[in-house]
Amino acid sequence: MASSDVWLSTAEHEFFGVSAIEAAMLGAIPVVPAALAYPETLPSAFTYQPGDVDGAVDAIAAIAEMGRRIEGPWTIDARRFRSDRSIWRFDEAIEEVVKNGER
């Protein structure tokens, strides 16, 4: 993956999109459906509507036409996803559940 220019997802079910984030961190341009977890975690520069094969092909063709001139927001800073920066949210949520006796 570290030598790929493009990373394509045709996922119909995705919880977080870890592999897309990893690909973007390595410099690949993610081409993803404008759905699932992708809008929350990735820039929307090259998205297509779910199930729109022609849209995915068009996005990849646009990337190919731009070649190495592409500069973009998809080289993401994934530090916000590190556990040492986000684990407190889980701790707080669990403490709240325990405090309120929720199940």
PDB file of N, CA and C in Angstrom:
ATOM      1  N   MET A   1       0.811  -1.185   0.000  1.00  0.00           N
ATOM      2  CA  MET A   1       0.000   0.000   0.000  1.00  0.00           C
ATOM      3  C   MET A   1       0.864   1.262   0.000  1.00  0.00           C
ATOM      4  N   ALA A   2       2.033   1.217   0.572  1.00  0.00           N
ATOM      5  CA  ALA A   2       2.869   2.407   0.661  1.00  0.00           C
ATOM      6  C   ALA A   2       3.292   2.928  -0.706  1.00  0.00           C
ATOM      7  N   SER A   3       3.181   2.120  -1.743  1.00  0.00           N
ATOM      8  CA  SER A   3       3.553   2.578  -3.072  1.00  0.00           C
ATOM      9  C   SER A   3       2.334   2.876  -3.938  1.00  0.00           C
ATOM     10  N   SER A   4       1.154   2.816  -3.385  1.00  0.00           N
ATOM     11  CA  SER A   4      -0.068   3.076  -4.151  1.00  0.00           C
ATOM     12  C   SER A   4      -0.353   4.570  -4.212  1.00  0.00           C
ATOM     13  N   ASP A   5      -0.902   4.990  -5.339  1.00  0.00           N
ATOM     14  CA  ASP A   5      -1.318   6.380  -5.486  1.00  0.00           C
ATOM     15  C   ASP A   5      -2.780   6.567  -5.102  1.00  0.00           C
ATOM     16  N   VAL A   6      -3.581   5.508  -5.301  1.00  0.00           N
ATOM     17  CA  VAL A   6      -5.026   5.575  -5.065  1.00  0.00           C
ATOM     18  C   VAL A   6      -5.447   4.387  -4.218  1.00  0.00           C
ATOM     19  N   TRP A   7      -6.406   4.622  -3.337  1.00  0.00           N
ATOM     20  CA  TRP A   7      -6.990   3.550  -2.525  1.00  0.00           C
ATOM     21  C   TRP A   7      -8.494   3.637  -2.719  1.00  0.00           C
ATOM     22  N   LEU A   8      -9.098   2.573  -3.227  1.00  0.00           N
ATOM     23  CA  LEU A   8     -10.528   2.546  -3.546  1.00  0.00           C
ATOM     24  C   LEU A   8     -11.290   1.693  -2.552  1.00  0.00           C
ATOM     25  N   SER A   9     -12.380   2.245  -2.049  1.00  0.00           N
ATOM     26  CA  SER A   9     -13.295   1.474  -1.215  1.00  0.00           C
ATOM     27  C   SER A   9     -14.628   1.347  -1.928  1.00  0.00           C
ATOM     28  N   THR A  10     -15.131   0.136  -1.943  1.00  0.00           N
ATOM     29  CA  THR A  10     -16.490  -0.109  -2.435  1.00  0.00           C
ATOM     30  C   THR A  10     -17.331  -0.695  -1.317  1.00  0.00           C
ATOM     31  N   ALA A  11     -16.928  -0.410  -0.088  1.00  0.00           N
ATOM     32  CA  ALA A  11     -17.578  -0.982   1.094  1.00  0.00           C
ATOM     33  C   ALA A  11     -19.057  -0.596   1.164  1.00  0.00           C
ATOM     34  N   GLU A  12     -19.846  -1.546   1.592  1.00  0.00           N
ATOM     35  CA  GLU A  12     -21.259  -1.284   1.869  1.00  0.00           C
ATOM     36  C   GLU A  12     -21.507  -1.259   3.372  1.00  0.00           C
ATOM     37  N   HIS A  13     -20.506  -1.673   4.139  1.00  0.00           N
ATOM     38  CA  HIS A  13     -20.611  -1.692   5.596  1.00  0.00           C
ATOM     39  C   HIS A  13     -19.239  -1.374   6.165  1.00  0.00           C
ATOM     40  N   GLU A  14     -19.171  -0.371   7.011  1.00  0.00           N
ATOM     41  CA  GLU A  14     -17.887   0.051   7.550  1.00  0.00           C
ATOM     42  C   GLU A  14     -18.133   0.730   8.884  1.00  0.00           C
ATOM     43  N   PHE A  15     -17.392   0.342   9.905  1.00  0.00           N
ATOM     44  CA  PHE A  15     -17.561   0.949  11.217  1.00  0.00           C
ATOM     45  C   PHE A  15     -16.722   2.205  11.387  1.00  0.00           C
ATOM     46  N   PHE A  16     -15.510   2.192  10.889  1.00  0.00           N
ATOM     47  CA  PHE A  16     -14.616   3.311  11.144  1.00  0.00           C
ATOM     48  C   PHE A  16     -13.777   3.702   9.932  1.00  0.00           C
ATOM     49  N   GLY A  17     -13.353   2.766   9.148  1.00  0.00           N
ATOM     50  CA  GLY A  17     -12.543   3.073   7.982  1.00  0.00           C
ATOM     51  C   GLY A  17     -11.058   3.109   8.262  1.00  0.00           C
ATOM     52  N   VAL A  18     -10.596   2.225   9.149  1.00  0.00           N
ATOM     53  CA  VAL A  18      -9.183   2.209   9.533  1.00  0.00           C
ATOM     54  C   VAL A  18      -8.271   2.036   8.319  1.00  0.00           C
ATOM     55  N   SER A  19      -8.608   1.134   7.434  1.00  0.00           N
ATOM     56  CA  SER A  19      -7.716   0.896   6.290  1.00  0.00           C
ATOM     57  C   SER A  19      -7.651   2.118   5.380  1.00  0.00           C
ATOM     58  N   ALA A  20      -8.742   2.862   5.255  1.00  0.00           N
ATOM     59  CA  ALA A  20      -8.732   4.089   4.445  1.00  0.00           C
ATOM     60  C   ALA A  20      -7.844   5.145   5.091  1.00  0.00           C
ATOM     61  N   ILE A  21      -7.913   5.254   6.406  1.00  0.00           N
ATOM     62  CA  ILE A  21      -7.074   6.212   7.122  1.00  0.00           C
ATOM     63  C   ILE A  21      -5.604   5.820   6.993  1.00  0.00           C
ATOM     64  N   GLU A  22      -5.314   4.529   7.127  1.00  0.00           N
ATOM     65  CA  GLU A  22      -3.934   4.068   6.968  1.00  0.00           C
ATOM     66  C   GLU A  22      -3.422   4.374   5.572  1.00  0.00           C
ATOM     67  N   ALA A  23      -4.249   4.136   4.564  1.00  0.00           N
ATOM     68  CA  ALA A  23      -3.839   4.413   3.188  1.00  0.00           C
ATOM     69  C   ALA A  23      -3.551   5.903   2.998  1.00  0.00           C
ATOM     70  N   ALA A  24      -4.424   6.755   3.530  1.00  0.00           N
ATOM     71  CA  ALA A  24      -4.222   8.195   3.411  1.00  0.00           C
ATOM     72  C   ALA A  24      -2.967   8.645   4.155  1.00  0.00           C
ATOM     73  N   MET A  25      -2.713   8.044   5.308  1.00  0.00           N
ATOM     74  CA  MET A  25      -1.507   8.385   6.065  1.00  0.00           C
ATOM     75  C   MET A  25      -0.241   8.044   5.283  1.00  0.00           C
ATOM     76  N   LEU A  26      -0.339   7.019   4.444  1.00  0.00           N
ATOM     77  CA  LEU A  26       0.812   6.614   3.633  1.00  0.00           C
ATOM     78  C   LEU A  26       0.895   7.372   2.310  1.00  0.00           C
ATOM     79  N   GLY A  27      -0.066   8.282   2.093  1.00  0.00           N
ATOM     80  CA  GLY A  27      -0.008   9.127   0.907  1.00  0.00           C
ATOM     81  C   GLY A  27      -0.903   8.726  -0.233  1.00  0.00           C
ATOM     82  N   ALA A  28      -1.626   7.621  -0.121  1.00  0.00           N
ATOM     83  CA  ALA A  28      -2.561   7.237  -1.179  1.00  0.00           C
ATOM     84  C   ALA A  28      -3.794   8.132  -1.096  1.00  0.00           C
ATOM     85  N   ILE A  29      -4.386   8.411  -2.221  1.00  0.00           N
ATOM     86  CA  ILE A  29      -5.589   9.240  -2.259  1.00  0.00           C
ATOM     87  C   ILE A  29      -6.792   8.312  -2.122  1.00  0.00           C
ATOM     88  N   PRO A  30      -7.568   8.467  -1.057  1.00  0.00           N
ATOM     89  CA  PRO A  30      -8.725   7.589  -0.879  1.00  0.00           C
ATOM     90  C   PRO A  30      -9.885   8.005  -1.764  1.00  0.00           C
ATOM     91  N   VAL A  31     -10.398   7.051  -2.508  1.00  0.00           N
ATOM     92  CA  VAL A  31     -11.626   7.235  -3.288  1.00  0.00           C
ATOM     93  C   VAL A  31     -12.656   6.369  -2.582  1.00  0.00           C
ATOM     94  N   VAL A  32     -13.620   7.037  -1.966  1.00  0.00           N
ATOM     95  CA  VAL A  32     -14.540   6.341  -1.068  1.00  0.00           C
ATOM     96  C   VAL A  32     -15.978   6.778  -1.325  1.00  0.00           C
ATOM     97  N   PRO A  33     -16.934   5.921  -0.949  1.00  0.00           N
ATOM     98  CA  PRO A  33     -18.329   6.350  -1.027  1.00  0.00           C
ATOM     99  C   PRO A  33     -18.564   7.521  -0.072  1.00  0.00           C
ATOM    100  N   ALA A  34     -19.435   8.425  -0.459  1.00  0.00           N
ATOM    101  CA  ALA A  34     -19.800   9.558   0.407  1.00  0.00           C
ATOM    102  C   ALA A  34     -20.831   9.068   1.407  1.00  0.00           C
ATOM    103  N   ALA A  35     -20.418   8.121   2.228  1.00  0.00           N
ATOM    104  CA  ALA A  35     -21.330   7.485   3.182  1.00  0.00           C
ATOM    105  C   ALA A  35     -20.513   6.751   4.232  1.00  0.00           C
ATOM    106  N   LEU A  36     -21.198   5.983   5.043  1.00  0.00           N
ATOM    107  CA  LEU A  36     -20.598   5.171   6.090  1.00  0.00           C
ATOM    108  C   LEU A  36     -19.792   6.052   7.034  1.00  0.00           C
ATOM    109  N   ALA A  37     -18.635   5.601   7.452  1.00  0.00           N
ATOM    110  CA  ALA A  37     -17.805   6.379   8.375  1.00  0.00           C
ATOM    111  C   ALA A  37     -16.874   7.335   7.641  1.00  0.00           C
ATOM    112  N   TYR A  38     -16.810   7.245   6.330  1.00  0.00           N
ATOM    113  CA  TYR A  38     -15.828   8.025   5.584  1.00  0.00           C
ATOM    114  C   TYR A  38     -15.977   9.542   5.714  1.00  0.00           C
ATOM    115  N   PRO A  39     -17.185  10.110   5.634  1.00  0.00           N
ATOM    116  CA  PRO A  39     -17.276  11.572   5.772  1.00  0.00           C
ATOM    117  C   PRO A  39     -16.796  12.089   7.128  1.00  0.00           C
ATOM    118  N   GLU A  40     -16.852  11.261   8.151  1.00  0.00           N
ATOM    119  CA  GLU A  40     -16.422  11.676   9.483  1.00  0.00           C
ATOM    120  C   GLU A  40     -14.907  11.646   9.642  1.00  0.00           C
ATOM    121  N   THR A  41     -14.240  10.842   8.840  1.00  0.00           N
ATOM    122  CA  THR A  41     -12.814  10.634   9.060  1.00  0.00           C
ATOM    123  C   THR A  41     -11.922  11.080   7.913  1.00  0.00           C
ATOM    124  N   LEU A  42     -12.478  11.265   6.733  1.00  0.00           N
ATOM    125  CA  LEU A  42     -11.652  11.609   5.574  1.00  0.00           C
ATOM    126  C   LEU A  42     -12.166  12.857   4.874  1.00  0.00           C
ATOM    127  N   PRO A  43     -11.270  13.608   4.255  1.00  0.00           N
ATOM    128  CA  PRO A  43     -11.705  14.732   3.423  1.00  0.00           C
ATOM    129  C   PRO A  43     -12.530  14.222   2.246  1.00  0.00           C
ATOM    130  N   SER A  44     -13.347  15.071   1.702  1.00  0.00           N
ATOM    131  CA  SER A  44     -14.270  14.629   0.655  1.00  0.00           C
ATOM    132  C   SER A  44     -13.790  14.929  -0.763  1.00  0.00           C
ATOM    133  N   ALA A  45     -12.509  15.070  -0.967  1.00  0.00           N
ATOM    134  CA  ALA A  45     -11.997  15.462  -2.280  1.00  0.00           C
ATOM    135  C   ALA A  45     -12.372  14.485  -3.389  1.00  0.00           C
ATOM    136  N   PHE A  46     -12.298  13.193  -3.133  1.00  0.00           N
ATOM    137  CA  PHE A  46     -12.604  12.204  -4.163  1.00  0.00           C
ATOM    138  C   PHE A  46     -13.589  11.181  -3.624  1.00  0.00           C
ATOM    139  N   THR A  47     -14.847  11.556  -3.649  1.00  0.00           N
ATOM    140  CA  THR A  47     -15.900  10.653  -3.200  1.00  0.00           C
ATOM    141  C   THR A  47     -16.867  10.406  -4.344  1.00  0.00           C
ATOM    142  N   TYR A  48     -17.659   9.390  -4.172  1.00  0.00           N
ATOM    143  CA  TYR A  48     -18.706   9.075  -5.135  1.00  0.00           C
ATOM    144  C   TYR A  48     -19.919   8.596  -4.354  1.00  0.00           C
ATOM    145  N   GLN A  49     -21.062   8.641  -4.983  1.00  0.00           N
ATOM    146  CA  GLN A  49     -22.270   8.182  -4.309  1.00  0.00           C
ATOM    147  C   GLN A  49     -22.251   6.656  -4.200  1.00  0.00           C
ATOM    148  N   PRO A  50     -22.681   6.122  -3.070  1.00  0.00           N
ATOM    149  CA  PRO A  50     -22.666   4.664  -2.884  1.00  0.00           C
ATOM    150  C   PRO A  50     -23.360   3.938  -4.045  1.00  0.00           C
ATOM    151  N   GLY A  51     -22.695   2.925  -4.543  1.00  0.00           N
ATOM    152  CA  GLY A  51     -23.240   2.123  -5.634  1.00  0.00           C
ATOM    153  C   GLY A  51     -23.031   2.715  -7.021  1.00  0.00           C
ATOM    154  N   ASP A  52     -22.474   3.902  -7.114  1.00  0.00           N
ATOM    155  CA  ASP A  52     -22.265   4.575  -8.399  1.00  0.00           C
ATOM    156  C   ASP A  52     -20.891   4.205  -8.950  1.00  0.00           C
ATOM    157  N   VAL A  53     -20.830   3.108  -9.671  1.00  0.00           N
ATOM    158  CA  VAL A  53     -19.560   2.622 -10.219  1.00  0.00           C
ATOM    159  C   VAL A  53     -18.946   3.659 -11.149  1.00  0.00           C
ATOM    160  N   ASP A  54     -19.778   4.281 -11.985  1.00  0.00           N
ATOM    161  CA  ASP A  54     -19.251   5.303 -12.892  1.00  0.00           C
ATOM    162  C   ASP A  54     -18.651   6.473 -12.120  1.00  0.00           C
ATOM    163  N   GLY A  55     -19.262   6.819 -10.993  1.00  0.00           N
ATOM    164  CA  GLY A  55     -18.732   7.902 -10.163  1.00  0.00           C
ATOM    165  C   GLY A  55     -17.363   7.553  -9.595  1.00  0.00           C
ATOM    166  N   ALA A  56     -17.186   6.297  -9.173  1.00  0.00           N
ATOM    167  CA  ALA A  56     -15.889   5.853  -8.665  1.00  0.00           C
ATOM    168  C   ALA A  56     -14.844   5.885  -9.777  1.00  0.00           C
ATOM    169  N   VAL A  57     -15.228   5.413 -10.949  1.00  0.00           N
ATOM    170  CA  VAL A  57     -14.316   5.427 -12.097  1.00  0.00           C
ATOM    171  C   VAL A  57     -13.946   6.862 -12.461  1.00  0.00           C
ATOM    172  N   ASP A  58     -14.932   7.764 -12.447  1.00  0.00           N
ATOM    173  CA  ASP A  58     -14.663   9.169 -12.761  1.00  0.00           C
ATOM    174  C   ASP A  58     -13.685   9.790 -11.761  1.00  0.00           C
ATOM    175  N   ALA A  59     -13.838   9.451 -10.484  1.00  0.00           N
ATOM    176  CA  ALA A  59     -12.930   9.987  -9.461  1.00  0.00           C
ATOM    177  C   ALA A  59     -11.508   9.503  -9.704  1.00  0.00           C
ATOM    178  N   ILE A  60     -11.363   8.226 -10.014  1.00  0.00           N
ATOM    179  CA  ILE A  60     -10.028   7.678 -10.284  1.00  0.00           C
ATOM    180  C   ILE A  60      -9.450   8.295 -11.555  1.00  0.00           C
ATOM    181  N   ALA A  61     -10.288   8.483 -12.576  1.00  0.00           N
ATOM    182  CA  ALA A  61      -9.822   9.107 -13.820  1.00  0.00           C
ATOM    183  C   ALA A  61      -9.359  10.545 -13.569  1.00  0.00           C
ATOM    184  N   ALA A  62     -10.077  11.265 -12.715  1.00  0.00           N
ATOM    185  CA  ALA A  62      -9.679  12.641 -12.393  1.00  0.00           C
ATOM    186  C   ALA A  62      -8.311  12.653 -11.711  1.00  0.00           C
ATOM    187  N   ILE A  63      -8.086  11.703 -10.833  1.00  0.00           N
ATOM    188  CA  ILE A  63      -6.785  11.600 -10.158  1.00  0.00           C
ATOM    189  C   ILE A  63      -5.693  11.296 -11.183  1.00  0.00           C
ATOM    190  N   ALA A  64      -5.980  10.371 -12.094  1.00  0.00           N
ATOM    191  CA  ALA A  64      -4.998   9.999 -13.117  1.00  0.00           C
ATOM    192  C   ALA A  64      -4.664  11.189 -14.016  1.00  0.00           C
ATOM    193  N   GLU A  65      -5.664  12.003 -14.344  1.00  0.00           N
ATOM    194  CA  GLU A  65      -5.422  13.180 -15.187  1.00  0.00           C
ATOM    195  C   GLU A  65      -4.547  14.208 -14.484  1.00  0.00           C
ATOM    196  N   MET A  66      -4.724  14.342 -13.180  1.00  0.00           N
ATOM    197  CA  MET A  66      -3.933  15.314 -12.420  1.00  0.00           C
ATOM    198  C   MET A  66      -2.501  14.851 -12.232  1.00  0.00           C
ATOM    199  N   GLY A  67      -2.313  13.538 -12.221  1.00  0.00           N
ATOM    200  CA  GLY A  67      -0.969  13.001 -12.057  1.00  0.00           C
ATOM    201  C   GLY A  67      -0.331  13.443 -10.759  1.00  0.00           C
ATOM    202  N   ARG A  68       0.937  13.703 -10.769  1.00  0.00           N
ATOM    203  CA  ARG A  68       1.680  14.051  -9.563  1.00  0.00           C
ATOM    204  C   ARG A  68       1.484  15.510  -9.147  1.00  0.00           C
ATOM    205  N   ARG A  69       0.679  16.264  -9.882  1.00  0.00           N
ATOM    206  CA  ARG A  69       0.417  17.649  -9.483  1.00  0.00           C
ATOM    207  C   ARG A  69      -0.566  17.722  -8.327  1.00  0.00           C
ATOM    208  N   ILE A  70      -1.141  16.594  -7.967  1.00  0.00           N
ATOM    209  CA  ILE A  70      -2.151  16.593  -6.921  1.00  0.00           C
ATOM    210  C   ILE A  70      -1.527  16.981  -5.592  1.00  0.00           C
ATOM    211  N   GLU A  71      -2.121  17.956  -4.994  1.00  0.00           N
ATOM    212  CA  GLU A  71      -1.789  18.305  -3.617  1.00  0.00           C
ATOM    213  C   GLU A  71      -3.123  18.315  -2.917  1.00  0.00           C
ATOM    214  N   GLY A  72      -3.170  17.784  -1.738  1.00  0.00           N
ATOM    215  CA  GLY A  72      -4.488  17.770  -1.153  1.00  0.00           C
ATOM    216  C   GLY A  72      -4.580  17.466   0.307  1.00  0.00           C
ATOM    217  N   PRO A  73      -5.805  17.580   0.788  1.00  0.00           N
ATOM    218  CA  PRO A  73      -6.074  17.406   2.205  1.00  0.00           C
ATOM    219  C   PRO A  73      -6.154  15.959   2.648  1.00  0.00           C
ATOM    220  N   TRP A  74      -6.033  15.018   1.723  1.00  0.00           N
ATOM    221  CA  TRP A  74      -6.200  13.613   2.088  1.00  0.00           C
ATOM    222  C   TRP A  74      -4.987  13.049   2.806  1.00  0.00           C
ATOM    223  N   THR A  75      -3.880  13.743   2.787  1.00  0.00           N
ATOM    224  CA  THR A  75      -2.758  13.314   3.609  1.00  0.00           C
ATOM    225  C   THR A  75      -3.092  13.781   5.018  1.00  0.00           C
ATOM    226  N   ILE A  76      -3.772  12.938   5.740  1.00  0.00           N
ATOM    227  CA  ILE A  76      -4.391  13.352   6.990  1.00  0.00           C
ATOM    228  C   ILE A  76      -3.465  13.183   8.189  1.00  0.00           C
ATOM    229  N   ASP A  77      -3.748  13.950   9.200  1.00  0.00           N
ATOM    230  CA  ASP A  77      -3.066  13.829  10.475  1.00  0.00           C
ATOM    231  C   ASP A  77      -3.949  12.950  11.346  1.00  0.00           C
ATOM    232  N   ALA A  78      -3.573  11.721  11.537  1.00  0.00           N
ATOM    233  CA  ALA A  78      -4.407  10.759  12.265  1.00  0.00           C
ATOM    234  C   ALA A  78      -4.100  10.733  13.757  1.00  0.00           C
ATOM    235  N   ARG A  79      -3.333  11.693  14.224  1.00  0.00           N
ATOM    236  CA  ARG A  79      -3.010  11.698  15.654  1.00  0.00           C
ATOM    237  C   ARG A  79      -4.263  11.791  16.523  1.00  0.00           C
ATOM    238  N   ARG A  80      -5.321  12.408  16.006  1.00  0.00           N
ATOM    239  CA  ARG A  80      -6.546  12.530  16.808  1.00  0.00           C
ATOM    240  C   ARG A  80      -7.182  11.180  17.105  1.00  0.00           C
ATOM    241  N   PHE A  81      -6.798  10.150  16.374  1.00  0.00           N
ATOM    242  CA  PHE A  81      -7.351   8.816  16.589  1.00  0.00           C
ATOM    243  C   PHE A  81      -6.524   7.973  17.552  1.00  0.00           C
ATOM    244  N   ARG A  82      -5.366   8.466  17.949  1.00  0.00           N
ATOM    245  CA  ARG A  82      -4.516   7.692  18.860  1.00  0.00           C
ATOM    246  C   ARG A  82      -5.220   7.493  20.194  1.00  0.00           C
ATOM    247  N   SER A  83      -5.017   6.340  20.784  1.00  0.00           N
ATOM    248  CA  SER A  83      -5.714   6.035  22.040  1.00  0.00           C
ATOM    249  C   SER A  83      -5.334   6.986  23.157  1.00  0.00           C
ATOM    250  N   ASP A  84      -4.089   7.437  23.196  1.00  0.00           N
ATOM    251  CA  ASP A  84      -3.703   8.338  24.282  1.00  0.00           C
ATOM    252  C   ASP A  84      -4.357   9.712  24.164  1.00  0.00           C
ATOM    253  N   ARG A  85      -4.957   9.999  23.018  1.00  0.00           N
ATOM    254  CA  ARG A  85      -5.668  11.265  22.836  1.00  0.00           C
ATOM    255  C   ARG A  85      -7.179  11.101  22.896  1.00  0.00           C
ATOM    256  N   SER A  86      -7.658   9.890  22.888  1.00  0.00           N
ATOM    257  CA  SER A  86      -9.109   9.704  22.842  1.00  0.00           C
ATOM    258  C   SER A  86      -9.664   8.769  23.905  1.00  0.00           C
ATOM    259  N   ILE A  87      -8.817   8.066  24.605  1.00  0.00           N
ATOM    260  CA  ILE A  87      -9.297   7.072  25.562  1.00  0.00           C
ATOM    261  C   ILE A  87     -10.131   7.704  26.673  1.00  0.00           C
ATOM    262  N   TRP A  88      -9.866   8.933  27.002  1.00  0.00           N
ATOM    263  CA  TRP A  88     -10.615   9.612  28.061  1.00  0.00           C
ATOM    264  C   TRP A  88     -12.097   9.680  27.740  1.00  0.00           C
ATOM    265  N   ARG A  89     -12.440   9.755  26.449  1.00  0.00           N
ATOM    266  CA  ARG A  89     -13.861   9.783  26.066  1.00  0.00           C
ATOM    267  C   ARG A  89     -14.546   8.471  26.451  1.00  0.00           C
ATOM    268  N   PHE A  90     -13.858   7.385  26.220  1.00  0.00           N
ATOM    269  CA  PHE A  90     -14.407   6.082  26.600  1.00  0.00           C
ATOM    270  C   PHE A  90     -14.504   5.971  28.119  1.00  0.00           C
ATOM    271  N   ASP A  91     -13.468   6.418  28.802  1.00  0.00           N
ATOM    272  CA  ASP A  91     -13.481   6.378  30.267  1.00  0.00           C
ATOM    273  C   ASP A  91     -14.659   7.170  30.826  1.00  0.00           C
ATOM    274  N   GLU A  92     -14.869   8.367  30.306  1.00  0.00           N
ATOM    275  CA  GLU A  92     -15.981   9.199  30.780  1.00  0.00           C
ATOM    276  C   GLU A  92     -17.333   8.541  30.502  1.00  0.00           C
ATOM    277  N   ALA A  93     -17.490   7.966  29.314  1.00  0.00           N
ATOM    278  CA  ALA A  93     -18.759   7.322  28.955  1.00  0.00           C
ATOM    279  C   ALA A  93     -19.029   6.119  29.855  1.00  0.00           C
ATOM    280  N   ILE A  94     -18.004   5.331  30.115  1.00  0.00           N
ATOM    281  CA  ILE A  94     -18.170   4.154  30.977  1.00  0.00           C
ATOM    282  C   ILE A  94     -18.486   4.590  32.399  1.00  0.00           C
ATOM    283  N   GLU A  95     -17.791   5.594  32.899  1.00  0.00           N
ATOM    284  CA  GLU A  95     -18.069   6.091  34.243  1.00  0.00           C
ATOM    285  C   GLU A  95     -19.506   6.608  34.364  1.00  0.00           C
ATOM    286  N   GLU A  96     -19.992   7.269  33.338  1.00  0.00           N
ATOM    287  CA  GLU A  96     -21.359   7.792  33.343  1.00  0.00           C
ATOM    288  C   GLU A  96     -22.377   6.657  33.374  1.00  0.00           C
ATOM    289  N   VAL A  97     -22.141   5.619  32.615  1.00  0.00           N
ATOM    290  CA  VAL A  97     -23.036   4.459  32.601  1.00  0.00           C
ATOM    291  C   VAL A  97     -23.062   3.800  33.964  1.00  0.00           C
ATOM    292  N   VAL A  98     -21.895   3.611  34.547  1.00  0.00           N
ATOM    293  CA  VAL A  98     -21.809   2.973  35.865  1.00  0.00           C
ATOM    294  C   VAL A  98     -22.509   3.840  36.922  1.00  0.00           C
ATOM    295  N   LYS A  99     -22.267   5.129  36.855  1.00  0.00           N
ATOM    296  CA  LYS A  99     -22.858   6.061  37.830  1.00  0.00           C
ATOM    297  C   LYS A  99     -24.389   6.049  37.771  1.00  0.00           C
ATOM    298  N   ASN A 100     -24.924   5.968  36.570  1.00  0.00           N
ATOM    299  CA  ASN A 100     -26.382   6.011  36.393  1.00  0.00           C
ATOM    300  C   ASN A 100     -27.017   4.629  36.429  1.00  0.00           C
ATOM    301  N   GLY A 101     -26.210   3.576  36.523  1.00  0.00           N
ATOM    302  CA  GLY A 101     -26.752   2.223  36.564  1.00  0.00           C
ATOM    303  C   GLY A 101     -27.393   1.797  35.264  1.00  0.00           C
ATOM    304  N   GLU A 102     -26.972   2.410  34.156  1.00  0.00           N
ATOM    305  CA  GLU A 102     -27.534   2.058  32.846  1.00  0.00           C
ATOM    306  C   GLU A 102     -26.935   0.767  32.348  1.00  0.00           C
ATOM    307  N   ARG A 103     -27.659   0.133  31.480  1.00  0.00           N
ATOM    308  CA  ARG A 103     -27.163  -1.091  30.851  1.00  0.00           C
ATOM    309  C   ARG A 103     -27.070  -0.914  29.375  1.00  0.00           C
TER     310      ARG A 103
END
